[in-house]
Amino acid sequence: MVPDVLDLDLSAGSAARRYGGRVVGDRRDVGVSDPEAIATSAWLAADPDAVRLAWEAWGALVHGYCAKALRDRERAADCTQETFVSAWRARERFDPARGTLAGWLLGIARYRVLDAHRGAHRVPTPVEDVPQTSSPASQGSQAAPDLLADRMLIAHALESLPPAARQVVELAFYGDLTQAEIAEQTGLPIGTVKSHMRRALLRLRADLEGGALDV
């Protein structure tokens, strides 16, 4: 969809060689984080493969957010495409020091969703599973999409963590266990638990702080 519009050619093998990954057929035979690192490096280099690599890494995340926020498959597809087109045109504004490319793309998607709602002359309806807030009415039109985006970024960041680190975070936040209790339950040294937690929190913060300026 997006790559067709931009008419960008994908040479996955050459992209992986340039940016440190290994490709098998159309799928990179590497860990979850490696395709994202490859896509980010290609994006920063303005490589012709960058949009397709970003689409492979985060297209499902962006489209899932747009679909949940808009509840309209056709508008969600348009919004997703507009997100990647806008992002590519404004690629020089992405700053990896401020956050991840996933967070930046979803930040742009938030604006595209709000544009879609404004174009339809209506306020977004609350999405499923997103808690209501006591925000003033003037903030209500943005609250649900923002909460949804944050939740999806957190879920994406957790999925991107190595299994051991993900287990530590889930036990801490969902199991309400202390680091000592996690070490006892998993059999991991307490220092390893602390390291996993620190790296995971840095990843979560990078994603959540990677929101984009309007482009």
C-alpha atoms as a PDB file:
ATOM      1  CA  MET A   1       0.000   0.000   0.000  1.00  0.00           C
ATOM      2  CA  VAL A   2       2.382   2.697   1.177  1.00  0.00           C
ATOM      3  CA  PRO A   3       5.408   1.381  -0.719  1.00  0.00           C
ATOM      4  CA  ASP A   4       3.333   1.231  -3.904  1.00  0.00           C
ATOM      5  CA  VAL A   5       2.281   4.862  -3.506  1.00  0.00           C
ATOM      6  CA  LEU A   6       5.850   6.008  -2.973  1.00  0.00           C
ATOM      7  CA  ASP A   7       7.125   3.653  -5.675  1.00  0.00           C
ATOM      8  CA  LEU A   8      10.143   2.684  -3.605  1.00  0.00           C
ATOM      9  CA  ASP A   9      12.070  -0.453  -4.487  1.00  0.00           C
ATOM     10  CA  LEU A  10      12.841  -3.025  -1.811  1.00  0.00           C
ATOM     11  CA  SER A  11      16.091  -4.945  -1.866  1.00  0.00           C
ATOM     12  CA  ALA A  12      15.888  -6.660   1.495  1.00  0.00           C
ATOM     13  CA  GLY A  13      19.155  -8.535   1.162  1.00  0.00           C
ATOM     14  CA  SER A  14      21.199  -5.452   0.380  1.00  0.00           C
ATOM     15  CA  ALA A  15      19.462  -3.510   3.134  1.00  0.00           C
ATOM     16  CA  ALA A  16      20.315  -6.166   5.676  1.00  0.00           C
ATOM     17  CA  ARG A  17      23.946  -6.238   4.562  1.00  0.00           C
ATOM     18  CA  ARG A  18      24.165  -2.457   4.824  1.00  0.00           C
ATOM     19  CA  TYR A  19      22.556  -2.264   8.255  1.00  0.00           C
ATOM     20  CA  GLY A  20      23.750  -5.412   9.958  1.00  0.00           C
ATOM     21  CA  GLY A  21      20.920  -7.946   9.592  1.00  0.00           C
ATOM     22  CA  ARG A  22      20.665 -11.297   7.857  1.00  0.00           C
ATOM     23  CA  VAL A  23      17.859 -12.011   5.399  1.00  0.00           C
ATOM     24  CA  VAL A  24      16.307 -15.332   4.476  1.00  0.00           C
ATOM     25  CA  GLY A  25      13.894 -14.962   1.572  1.00  0.00           C
ATOM     26  CA  ASP A  26      11.430 -12.198   2.369  1.00  0.00           C
ATOM     27  CA  ARG A  27      11.849 -12.536   6.133  1.00  0.00           C
ATOM     28  CA  ARG A  28      14.870 -11.537   8.188  1.00  0.00           C
ATOM     29  CA  ASP A  29      16.151 -14.478  10.192  1.00  0.00           C
ATOM     30  CA  VAL A  30      17.007 -12.342  13.203  1.00  0.00           C
ATOM     31  CA  GLY A  31      15.496 -11.356  16.547  1.00  0.00           C
ATOM     32  CA  VAL A  32      12.473  -9.111  16.871  1.00  0.00           C
ATOM     33  CA  SER A  33      14.520  -6.025  17.627  1.00  0.00           C
ATOM     34  CA  ASP A  34      16.925  -6.484  14.704  1.00  0.00           C
ATOM     35  CA  PRO A  35      14.443  -5.682  11.887  1.00  0.00           C
ATOM     36  CA  GLU A  36      13.532  -2.546  13.826  1.00  0.00           C
ATOM     37  CA  ALA A  37      17.189  -1.565  14.154  1.00  0.00           C
ATOM     38  CA  ILE A  38      17.701  -2.195  10.434  1.00  0.00           C
ATOM     39  CA  ALA A  39      14.636  -0.119   9.562  1.00  0.00           C
ATOM     40  CA  THR A  40      15.723   2.714  11.842  1.00  0.00           C
ATOM     41  CA  SER A  41      19.227   2.792  10.378  1.00  0.00           C
ATOM     42  CA  ALA A  42      17.825   2.813   6.852  1.00  0.00           C
ATOM     43  CA  TRP A  43      15.410   5.605   7.787  1.00  0.00           C
ATOM     44  CA  LEU A  44      18.171   7.766   9.232  1.00  0.00           C
ATOM     45  CA  ALA A  45      20.208   7.217   6.061  1.00  0.00           C
ATOM     46  CA  ALA A  46      17.196   8.086   3.849  1.00  0.00           C
ATOM     47  CA  ASP A  47      17.776   4.753   2.148  1.00  0.00           C
ATOM     48  CA  PRO A  48      15.390   3.879  -0.717  1.00  0.00           C
ATOM     49  CA  ASP A  49      14.440   0.723   1.214  1.00  0.00           C
ATOM     50  CA  ALA A  50      13.518   2.617   4.374  1.00  0.00           C
ATOM     51  CA  VAL A  51       9.761   2.950   3.918  1.00  0.00           C
ATOM     52  CA  ARG A  52       9.282  -0.707   3.094  1.00  0.00           C
ATOM     53  CA  LEU A  53      11.481  -1.784   5.987  1.00  0.00           C
ATOM     54  CA  ALA A  54       9.553   0.518   8.328  1.00  0.00           C
ATOM     55  CA  TRP A  55       6.287  -0.830   6.934  1.00  0.00           C
ATOM     56  CA  GLU A  56       7.411  -4.405   7.624  1.00  0.00           C
ATOM     57  CA  ALA A  57       8.470  -3.496  11.158  1.00  0.00           C
ATOM     58  CA  TRP A  58       5.599  -1.230  12.224  1.00  0.00           C
ATOM     59  CA  GLY A  59       2.867  -1.292   9.586  1.00  0.00           C
ATOM     60  CA  ALA A  60       0.710  -3.653  11.645  1.00  0.00           C
ATOM     61  CA  LEU A  61       1.150  -1.490  14.744  1.00  0.00           C
ATOM     62  CA  VAL A  62       0.165   1.733  12.966  1.00  0.00           C
ATOM     63  CA  HIS A  63      -2.742   0.157  11.104  1.00  0.00           C
ATOM     64  CA  GLY A  64      -3.980  -1.539  14.273  1.00  0.00           C
ATOM     65  CA  TYR A  65      -4.004   1.787  16.068  1.00  0.00           C
ATOM     66  CA  CYS A  66      -5.815   3.574  13.232  1.00  0.00           C
ATOM     67  CA  ALA A  67      -8.391   0.790  12.948  1.00  0.00           C
ATOM     68  CA  LYS A  68      -9.154   0.799  16.673  1.00  0.00           C
ATOM     69  CA  ALA A  69      -9.271   4.597  16.897  1.00  0.00           C
ATOM     70  CA  LEU A  70     -11.422   5.154  13.792  1.00  0.00           C
ATOM     71  CA  ARG A  71     -13.539   1.981  13.745  1.00  0.00           C
ATOM     72  CA  ASP A  72     -13.692   2.261   9.990  1.00  0.00           C
ATOM     73  CA  ARG A  73     -11.564  -0.071   7.864  1.00  0.00           C
ATOM     74  CA  GLU A  74     -11.392   2.177   4.811  1.00  0.00           C
ATOM     75  CA  ARG A  75     -10.528   5.309   6.767  1.00  0.00           C
ATOM     76  CA  ALA A  76      -8.007   3.327   8.826  1.00  0.00           C
ATOM     77  CA  ALA A  77      -6.236   2.182   5.657  1.00  0.00           C
ATOM     78  CA  ASP A  78      -6.126   5.752   4.353  1.00  0.00           C
ATOM     79  CA  CYS A  79      -4.885   7.042   7.707  1.00  0.00           C
ATOM     80  CA  THR A  80      -2.159   4.401   7.845  1.00  0.00           C
ATOM     81  CA  GLN A  81      -0.965   5.281   4.365  1.00  0.00           C
ATOM     82  CA  GLU A  82      -1.003   8.995   5.142  1.00  0.00           C
ATOM     83  CA  THR A  83       1.049   8.323   8.272  1.00  0.00           C
ATOM     84  CA  PHE A  84       3.891   6.664   6.358  1.00  0.00           C
ATOM     85  CA  VAL A  85       3.763   9.213   3.542  1.00  0.00           C
ATOM     86  CA  SER A  86       3.874  12.107   6.036  1.00  0.00           C
ATOM     87  CA  ALA A  87       6.648  10.438   8.001  1.00  0.00           C
ATOM     88  CA  TRP A  88       8.792   9.880   4.928  1.00  0.00           C
ATOM     89  CA  ARG A  89       8.355  13.453   3.757  1.00  0.00           C
ATOM     90  CA  ALA A  90       9.358  14.704   7.205  1.00  0.00           C
ATOM     91  CA  ARG A  91      12.029  12.041   7.811  1.00  0.00           C
ATOM     92  CA  GLU A  92      14.696  14.616   8.652  1.00  0.00           C
ATOM     93  CA  ARG A  93      12.672  15.583  11.718  1.00  0.00           C
ATOM     94  CA  PHE A  94      13.010  12.149  13.319  1.00  0.00           C
ATOM     95  CA  ASP A  95      15.491  12.335  16.190  1.00  0.00           C
ATOM     96  CA  PRO A  96      16.502   8.937  17.633  1.00  0.00           C
ATOM     97  CA  ALA A  97      17.782  10.731  20.735  1.00  0.00           C
ATOM     98  CA  ARG A  98      14.195  11.650  21.584  1.00  0.00           C
ATOM     99  CA  GLY A  99      12.616   8.240  21.109  1.00  0.00           C
ATOM    100  CA  THR A 100      12.108   5.259  18.855  1.00  0.00           C
ATOM    101  CA  LEU A 101      10.916   5.303  15.269  1.00  0.00           C
ATOM    102  CA  ALA A 102       7.897   3.242  16.348  1.00  0.00           C
ATOM    103  CA  GLY A 103       6.876   5.962  18.802  1.00  0.00           C
ATOM    104  CA  TRP A 104       7.487   8.693  16.225  1.00  0.00           C
ATOM    105  CA  LEU A 105       5.345   6.945  13.620  1.00  0.00           C
ATOM    106  CA  LEU A 106       2.530   6.399  16.079  1.00  0.00           C
ATOM    107  CA  GLY A 107       2.810  10.032  17.114  1.00  0.00           C
ATOM    108  CA  ILE A 108       2.184  11.026  13.501  1.00  0.00           C
ATOM    109  CA  ALA A 109      -0.670   8.522  13.322  1.00  0.00           C
ATOM    110  CA  ARG A 110      -2.339  10.307  16.241  1.00  0.00           C
ATOM    111  CA  TYR A 111      -2.482  13.501  14.222  1.00  0.00           C
ATOM    112  CA  ARG A 112      -3.762  11.692  11.154  1.00  0.00           C
ATOM    113  CA  VAL A 113      -6.520  10.113  13.256  1.00  0.00           C
ATOM    114  CA  LEU A 114      -7.504  13.497  14.650  1.00  0.00           C
ATOM    115  CA  ASP A 115      -7.487  14.931  11.129  1.00  0.00           C
ATOM    116  CA  ALA A 116      -9.797  12.108  10.026  1.00  0.00           C
ATOM    117  CA  HIS A 117     -12.204  12.857  12.852  1.00  0.00           C
ATOM    118  CA  ARG A 118     -12.162  16.568  12.132  1.00  0.00           C
ATOM    119  CA  GLY A 119     -12.775  15.844   8.468  1.00  0.00           C
ATOM    120  CA  ALA A 120     -15.819  13.813   9.424  1.00  0.00           C
ATOM    121  CA  HIS A 121     -17.025  16.666  11.696  1.00  0.00           C
ATOM    122  CA  ARG A 122     -17.295  14.450  14.708  1.00  0.00           C
ATOM    123  CA  VAL A 123     -15.520  13.731  17.969  1.00  0.00           C
ATOM    124  CA  PRO A 124     -13.870  10.308  18.356  1.00  0.00           C
ATOM    125  CA  THR A 125     -15.938   7.809  20.268  1.00  0.00           C
ATOM    126  CA  PRO A 126     -14.148   6.073  23.163  1.00  0.00           C
ATOM    127  CA  VAL A 127     -12.342   2.979  21.957  1.00  0.00           C
ATOM    128  CA  GLU A 128     -12.847  -0.394  23.581  1.00  0.00           C
ATOM    129  CA  ASP A 129     -10.751  -1.219  26.631  1.00  0.00           C
ATOM    130  CA  VAL A 130      -9.496   2.363  27.012  1.00  0.00           C
ATOM    131  CA  PRO A 131     -10.441   3.749  30.438  1.00  0.00           C
ATOM    132  CA  GLN A 132     -12.451   6.949  30.590  1.00  0.00           C
ATOM    133  CA  THR A 133     -10.840  10.026  32.108  1.00  0.00           C
ATOM    134  CA  SER A 134     -12.133  13.082  33.884  1.00  0.00           C
ATOM    135  CA  SER A 135     -10.496  15.430  31.372  1.00  0.00           C
ATOM    136  CA  PRO A 136     -12.371  18.603  30.430  1.00  0.00           C
ATOM    137  CA  ALA A 137     -14.601  18.421  27.395  1.00  0.00           C
ATOM    138  CA  SER A 138     -12.061  20.386  25.378  1.00  0.00           C
ATOM    139  CA  GLN A 139      -9.558  17.563  25.848  1.00  0.00           C
ATOM    140  CA  GLY A 140     -11.992  14.724  25.299  1.00  0.00           C
ATOM    141  CA  SER A 141     -11.495  14.525  21.549  1.00  0.00           C
ATOM    142  CA  GLN A 142      -7.810  13.646  21.973  1.00  0.00           C
ATOM    143  CA  ALA A 143      -7.834  11.643  25.216  1.00  0.00           C
ATOM    144  CA  ALA A 144      -9.030   8.285  23.877  1.00  0.00           C
ATOM    145  CA  PRO A 145      -6.692   8.145  20.847  1.00  0.00           C
ATOM    146  CA  ASP A 146      -3.720   9.161  23.008  1.00  0.00           C
ATOM    147  CA  LEU A 147      -4.487   6.542  25.657  1.00  0.00           C
ATOM    148  CA  LEU A 148      -4.907   3.910  22.979  1.00  0.00           C
ATOM    149  CA  ALA A 149      -1.620   4.870  21.316  1.00  0.00           C
ATOM    150  CA  ASP A 150       0.245   4.671  24.626  1.00  0.00           C
ATOM    151  CA  ARG A 151      -1.234   1.266  25.412  1.00  0.00           C
ATOM    152  CA  MET A 152      -0.324  -0.085  21.983  1.00  0.00           C
ATOM    153  CA  LEU A 153       3.212   1.261  22.258  1.00  0.00           C
ATOM    154  CA  ILE A 154       3.625  -0.390  25.659  1.00  0.00           C
ATOM    155  CA  ALA A 155       2.357  -3.699  24.283  1.00  0.00           C
ATOM    156  CA  HIS A 156       4.663  -3.379  21.268  1.00  0.00           C
ATOM    157  CA  ALA A 157       7.654  -2.547  23.458  1.00  0.00           C
ATOM    158  CA  LEU A 158       6.966  -5.545  25.702  1.00  0.00           C
ATOM    159  CA  GLU A 159       6.716  -7.861  22.689  1.00  0.00           C
ATOM    160  CA  SER A 160      10.053  -6.527  21.439  1.00  0.00           C
ATOM    161  CA  LEU A 161      11.871  -7.417  24.648  1.00  0.00           C
ATOM    162  CA  PRO A 162      13.805 -10.671  25.032  1.00  0.00           C
ATOM    163  CA  PRO A 163      11.685 -13.331  26.777  1.00  0.00           C
ATOM    164  CA  ALA A 164      13.550 -13.106  30.092  1.00  0.00           C
ATOM    165  CA  ALA A 165      13.262  -9.324  30.261  1.00  0.00           C
ATOM    166  CA  ARG A 166       9.597  -9.449  29.266  1.00  0.00           C
ATOM    167  CA  GLN A 167       8.901 -11.968  32.022  1.00  0.00           C
ATOM    168  CA  VAL A 168      10.565  -9.720  34.606  1.00  0.00           C
ATOM    169  CA  VAL A 169       8.498  -6.708  33.554  1.00  0.00           C
ATOM    170  CA  GLU A 170       5.235  -8.659  33.474  1.00  0.00           C
ATOM    171  CA  LEU A 171       5.866 -10.105  36.923  1.00  0.00           C
ATOM    172  CA  ALA A 172       6.639  -6.639  38.262  1.00  0.00           C
ATOM    173  CA  PHE A 173       3.709  -4.768  36.717  1.00  0.00           C
ATOM    174  CA  TYR A 174       1.051  -7.446  36.351  1.00  0.00           C
ATOM    175  CA  GLY A 175       2.097  -9.741  39.189  1.00  0.00           C
ATOM    176  CA  ASP A 176       2.959  -6.848  41.536  1.00  0.00           C
ATOM    177  CA  LEU A 177       6.127  -8.605  42.667  1.00  0.00           C
ATOM    178  CA  THR A 178       9.232  -6.944  44.058  1.00  0.00           C
ATOM    179  CA  GLN A 179      12.566  -7.485  42.365  1.00  0.00           C
ATOM    180  CA  ALA A 180      13.593  -9.853  45.146  1.00  0.00           C
ATOM    181  CA  GLU A 181      10.390 -11.864  44.698  1.00  0.00           C
ATOM    182  CA  ILE A 182      10.949 -11.982  40.936  1.00  0.00           C
ATOM    183  CA  ALA A 183      14.481 -13.273  41.480  1.00  0.00           C
ATOM    184  CA  GLU A 184      13.173 -15.967  43.811  1.00  0.00           C
ATOM    185  CA  GLN A 185      10.364 -17.016  41.452  1.00  0.00           C
ATOM    186  CA  THR A 186      12.464 -17.063  38.271  1.00  0.00           C
ATOM    187  CA  GLY A 187      15.740 -18.247  39.746  1.00  0.00           C
ATOM    188  CA  LEU A 188      17.548 -15.281  38.209  1.00  0.00           C
ATOM    189  CA  PRO A 189      20.228 -13.392  40.164  1.00  0.00           C
ATOM    190  CA  ILE A 190      18.888 -10.170  41.639  1.00  0.00           C
ATOM    191  CA  GLY A 191      21.434  -8.209  39.582  1.00  0.00           C
ATOM    192  CA  THR A 192      20.095  -9.754  36.386  1.00  0.00           C
ATOM    193  CA  VAL A 193      16.540  -8.891  37.387  1.00  0.00           C
ATOM    194  CA  LYS A 194      17.558  -5.286  37.978  1.00  0.00           C
ATOM    195  CA  SER A 195      19.372  -5.120  34.624  1.00  0.00           C
ATOM    196  CA  HIS A 196      16.374  -6.548  32.778  1.00  0.00           C
ATOM    197  CA  MET A 197      14.069  -4.071  34.492  1.00  0.00           C
ATOM    198  CA  ARG A 198      16.296  -1.104  33.717  1.00  0.00           C
ATOM    199  CA  ARG A 199      16.649  -1.965  30.025  1.00  0.00           C
ATOM    200  CA  ALA A 200      12.929  -2.624  29.709  1.00  0.00           C
ATOM    201  CA  LEU A 201      11.994   0.681  31.306  1.00  0.00           C
ATOM    202  CA  LEU A 202      14.418   2.532  29.027  1.00  0.00           C
ATOM    203  CA  ARG A 203      12.768   0.889  26.016  1.00  0.00           C
ATOM    204  CA  LEU A 204       9.280   1.745  27.246  1.00  0.00           C
ATOM    205  CA  ARG A 205      10.273   5.352  27.912  1.00  0.00           C
ATOM    206  CA  ALA A 206      11.881   5.688  24.498  1.00  0.00           C
ATOM    207  CA  ASP A 207       8.714   4.475  22.784  1.00  0.00           C
ATOM    208  CA  LEU A 208       6.369   6.629  24.846  1.00  0.00           C
ATOM    209  CA  GLU A 209       8.529   9.751  24.499  1.00  0.00           C
ATOM    210  CA  GLY A 210       8.888   9.313  20.744  1.00  0.00           C
ATOM    211  CA  GLY A 211       5.732  11.214  19.821  1.00  0.00           C
ATOM    212  CA  ALA A 212       5.989  13.361  16.715  1.00  0.00           C
ATOM    213  CA  LEU A 213       5.328  16.984  15.985  1.00  0.00           C
ATOM    214  CA  ASP A 214       2.488  17.627  13.586  1.00  0.00           C
ATOM    215  CA  VAL A 215       3.735  16.989  10.047  1.00  0.00           C
END
